Amino acid sequence: MQQPQRFEPLTEATMTAEQQRVSRSIWSTPRNSALGLGPFNSLLRSPELADRVQRVGEHVRFHSAVPTRLTELAVLITARRWTAQYEWWAHHPIALAAGLDPAIADAIAGGVRPQAMPPEEAAVYDFCTELLERGAVDDARFDALRGLFGEQGVIDLVGTLGYYGLISMVLNVDRCPLPGGAPLPLAPLG
């Protein structure tokens, strides 16, 4: 069951001029405005931060050296780590449309390492989970990822985890509801 949202939903009429400017900037990117403001409803309380954060998000989502399917894998891993319901709800269909096997997403949702991943997915999964769980990665994980995507890819993937970690925290603090009262997609992990 969803708890009440903490930040009142913003509308064009309730936004300051600076919030409106940043909101227009957010929707001038390839994001899906049909999803509503999502985390930006909260972030717009600090328009300058919202503007800077949305630019990072635009890069990691649309201009990363890591292919979209693997970026979305990292987003799902991060959403599961934070049990960020809205983030999972928004990115699960994007990940599947980008070619991620539904069985891999289901395993992540269940909190277990997926079986039979292609090598590049296994490298991304292992790198992301080790970094999120330990706060560091060993040389083998680093070298495997760098071998696949170069140094820019390593940094773009770290940026993806950081960005979606921030977004997940913002969504969780706000208790951002799922549109249309959709059921929560992630069960709590033991």
Protein backbone atom coordinates (compact mmCIF):
# COMPACT_ATOMS: atom_id res chain seq x y z
CA MET A 1 0.00 0.00 0.00
CA GLN A 2 1.27 3.42 -0.92
CA GLN A 3 1.63 6.12 1.70
CA PRO A 4 0.63 9.73 1.02
CA GLN A 5 2.94 11.78 -1.14
CA ARG A 6 4.94 14.33 0.86
CA PHE A 7 5.49 17.02 -1.77
CA GLU A 8 2.30 18.52 -3.14
CA PRO A 9 2.15 18.00 -6.91
CA LEU A 10 3.29 21.09 -8.79
CA THR A 11 1.30 22.57 -11.63
CA GLU A 12 2.16 25.36 -14.03
CA ALA A 13 0.01 27.67 -11.89
CA THR A 14 1.76 26.79 -8.61
CA MET A 15 5.35 26.92 -9.94
CA THR A 16 7.58 29.93 -9.58
CA ALA A 17 9.02 31.44 -12.74
CA GLU A 18 12.33 29.62 -12.09
CA GLN A 19 10.53 26.30 -11.56
CA GLN A 20 8.64 26.83 -14.83
CA ARG A 21 11.89 27.59 -16.68
CA VAL A 22 13.56 24.43 -15.37
CA SER A 23 10.43 22.35 -16.03
CA ARG A 24 10.44 23.49 -19.68
CA SER A 25 14.13 22.59 -19.87
CA ILE A 26 13.41 19.11 -18.50
CA TRP A 27 10.71 18.45 -21.09
CA SER A 28 12.85 19.79 -23.96
CA THR A 29 14.88 16.56 -23.63
CA PRO A 30 13.77 13.16 -25.02
CA ARG A 31 12.09 12.24 -21.69
CA ASN A 32 8.52 10.94 -21.75
CA SER A 33 6.46 13.85 -20.42
CA ALA A 34 3.39 11.58 -20.35
CA LEU A 35 4.85 10.12 -17.12
CA GLY A 36 4.40 13.45 -15.36
CA LEU A 37 7.02 15.13 -13.20
CA GLY A 38 8.00 11.98 -11.25
CA PRO A 39 11.14 12.85 -9.26
CA PHE A 40 11.20 16.36 -10.67
CA ASN A 41 8.08 17.25 -8.70
CA SER A 42 10.32 17.05 -5.63
CA LEU A 43 13.54 18.26 -7.21
CA LEU A 44 11.90 21.44 -8.50
CA ARG A 45 11.73 22.61 -4.88
CA SER A 46 15.38 23.47 -5.58
CA PRO A 47 15.24 24.63 -9.22
CA GLU A 48 19.00 25.02 -9.69
CA LEU A 49 19.65 21.51 -8.34
CA ALA A 50 16.81 20.13 -10.48
CA ASP A 51 18.31 21.72 -13.57
CA ARG A 52 21.79 20.34 -12.92
CA VAL A 53 20.46 16.88 -12.01
CA GLN A 54 18.26 16.66 -15.10
CA ARG A 55 21.27 17.39 -17.32
CA VAL A 56 23.18 14.50 -15.75
CA GLY A 57 20.13 12.30 -16.28
CA GLU A 58 19.89 13.31 -19.92
CA HIS A 59 23.52 12.30 -20.44
CA VAL A 60 23.40 8.93 -18.71
CA ARG A 61 20.10 8.00 -20.28
CA PHE A 62 20.53 9.26 -23.84
CA HIS A 63 24.25 9.81 -24.48
CA SER A 64 26.07 7.11 -22.51
CA ALA A 65 28.91 5.06 -23.99
CA VAL A 66 27.05 2.06 -22.54
CA PRO A 67 24.25 0.64 -24.76
CA THR A 68 20.67 1.44 -23.72
CA ARG A 69 19.80 -2.15 -22.79
CA LEU A 70 22.72 -2.26 -20.36
CA THR A 71 22.10 1.23 -19.01
CA GLU A 72 18.53 0.17 -18.27
CA LEU A 73 19.85 -2.98 -16.59
CA ALA A 74 21.86 -0.69 -14.29
CA VAL A 75 18.75 1.43 -13.64
CA LEU A 76 16.79 -1.66 -12.59
CA ILE A 77 19.61 -2.83 -10.34
CA THR A 78 19.65 0.60 -8.68
CA ALA A 79 15.86 0.75 -8.36
CA ARG A 80 15.88 -2.70 -6.71
CA ARG A 81 18.72 -1.65 -4.37
CA TRP A 82 16.62 1.26 -3.12
CA THR A 83 13.22 -0.47 -3.58
CA ALA A 84 12.30 2.58 -5.63
CA GLN A 85 8.83 1.61 -6.80
CA TYR A 86 8.28 4.53 -9.18
CA GLU A 87 11.73 4.12 -10.75
CA TRP A 88 11.15 0.42 -11.34
CA TRP A 89 7.64 1.06 -12.66
CA ALA A 90 8.95 3.70 -15.11
CA HIS A 91 12.07 1.87 -16.30
CA HIS A 92 11.00 -1.78 -16.39
CA PRO A 93 9.11 -1.34 -19.69
CA ILE A 94 11.95 0.77 -21.11
CA ALA A 95 14.45 -1.99 -20.24
CA LEU A 96 12.30 -4.66 -21.89
CA ALA A 97 11.75 -2.50 -24.98
CA ALA A 98 15.55 -2.06 -25.19
CA GLY A 99 15.92 -5.85 -25.33
CA LEU A 100 16.52 -6.91 -21.73
CA ASP A 101 15.24 -10.44 -21.15
CA PRO A 102 12.18 -10.33 -18.85
CA ALA A 103 13.64 -13.23 -16.84
CA ILE A 104 16.64 -11.07 -15.95
CA ALA A 105 14.39 -8.25 -14.77
CA ASP A 106 12.28 -10.74 -12.78
CA ALA A 107 15.36 -12.13 -11.03
CA ILE A 108 16.54 -8.64 -10.12
CA ALA A 109 13.06 -7.79 -8.82
CA GLY A 110 13.29 -10.90 -6.65
CA GLY A 111 16.67 -9.85 -5.29
CA VAL A 112 18.67 -12.69 -6.88
CA ARG A 113 21.43 -12.80 -9.48
CA PRO A 114 19.92 -13.64 -12.87
CA GLN A 115 20.99 -16.89 -14.52
CA ALA A 116 22.28 -17.25 -18.08
CA MET A 117 23.10 -13.62 -18.79
CA PRO A 118 25.11 -12.77 -21.89
CA PRO A 119 28.69 -11.80 -20.96
CA GLU A 120 28.15 -8.02 -21.28
CA GLU A 121 25.06 -8.17 -19.04
CA ALA A 122 26.93 -10.27 -16.49
CA ALA A 123 29.80 -7.73 -16.50
CA VAL A 124 27.38 -4.83 -15.94
CA TYR A 125 25.40 -6.73 -13.30
CA ASP A 126 28.50 -7.77 -11.37
CA PHE A 127 30.09 -4.31 -11.55
CA CYS A 128 26.90 -2.54 -10.46
CA THR A 129 26.00 -4.89 -7.63
CA GLU A 130 29.54 -4.94 -6.27
CA LEU A 131 29.77 -1.14 -6.35
CA LEU A 132 26.35 -0.69 -4.73
CA GLU A 133 26.95 -3.35 -2.06
CA ARG A 134 30.64 -2.72 -1.24
CA GLY A 135 31.15 0.87 -2.32
CA ALA A 136 34.06 -0.27 -4.53
CA VAL A 137 34.87 -2.80 -7.26
CA ASP A 138 37.78 -5.20 -7.59
CA ASP A 139 40.26 -5.06 -10.46
CA ALA A 140 38.66 -7.94 -12.35
CA ARG A 141 35.24 -6.22 -12.46
CA PHE A 142 36.81 -2.90 -13.44
CA ASP A 143 38.93 -4.49 -16.17
CA ALA A 144 36.00 -6.48 -17.56
CA LEU A 145 33.84 -3.38 -17.88
CA ARG A 146 36.64 -1.23 -19.28
CA GLY A 147 37.36 -3.96 -21.84
CA LEU A 148 33.77 -3.80 -23.05
CA PHE A 149 33.04 -0.05 -22.99
CA GLY A 150 36.34 1.77 -22.45
CA GLU A 151 37.06 4.22 -19.68
CA GLN A 152 34.18 6.50 -20.69
CA GLY A 153 31.82 3.55 -20.40
CA VAL A 154 33.06 2.81 -16.87
CA ILE A 155 32.46 6.41 -15.82
CA ASP A 156 29.11 6.60 -17.63
CA LEU A 157 27.98 3.47 -15.78
CA VAL A 158 29.14 4.88 -12.43
CA GLY A 159 27.27 8.08 -13.32
CA THR A 160 24.16 6.03 -14.09
CA LEU A 161 24.28 4.37 -10.68
CA GLY A 162 24.85 7.70 -8.95
CA TYR A 163 22.13 9.51 -10.85
CA TYR A 164 19.52 6.81 -10.36
CA GLY A 165 20.56 6.36 -6.74
CA LEU A 166 19.81 10.06 -6.19
CA ILE A 167 16.54 9.81 -8.13
CA SER A 168 15.54 6.71 -6.15
CA MET A 169 16.21 8.48 -2.85
CA VAL A 170 14.21 11.54 -3.98
CA LEU A 171 11.29 9.35 -5.04
CA ASN A 172 11.38 7.37 -1.79
CA VAL A 173 11.56 10.48 0.41
CA ASP A 174 8.60 11.97 -1.46
CA ARG A 175 6.74 8.64 -1.55
CA CYS A 176 5.97 9.44 -5.18
CA PRO A 177 2.82 7.53 -6.12
CA LEU A 178 2.53 5.37 -9.18
CA PRO A 179 0.25 6.88 -11.81
CA GLY A 180 -3.30 5.60 -11.85
CA GLY A 181 -2.86 3.81 -8.53
CA ALA A 182 -0.83 1.05 -10.20
CA PRO A 183 0.21 -1.73 -7.82
CA LEU A 184 3.69 -1.59 -6.35
CA PRO A 185 5.96 -3.67 -8.58
CA LEU A 186 8.67 -4.56 -6.03
CA ALA A 187 8.15 -6.68 -2.95
CA PRO A 188 10.24 -5.81 0.10
CA LEU A 189 13.45 -7.82 0.33
CA GLY A 190 14.17 -9.83 3.48
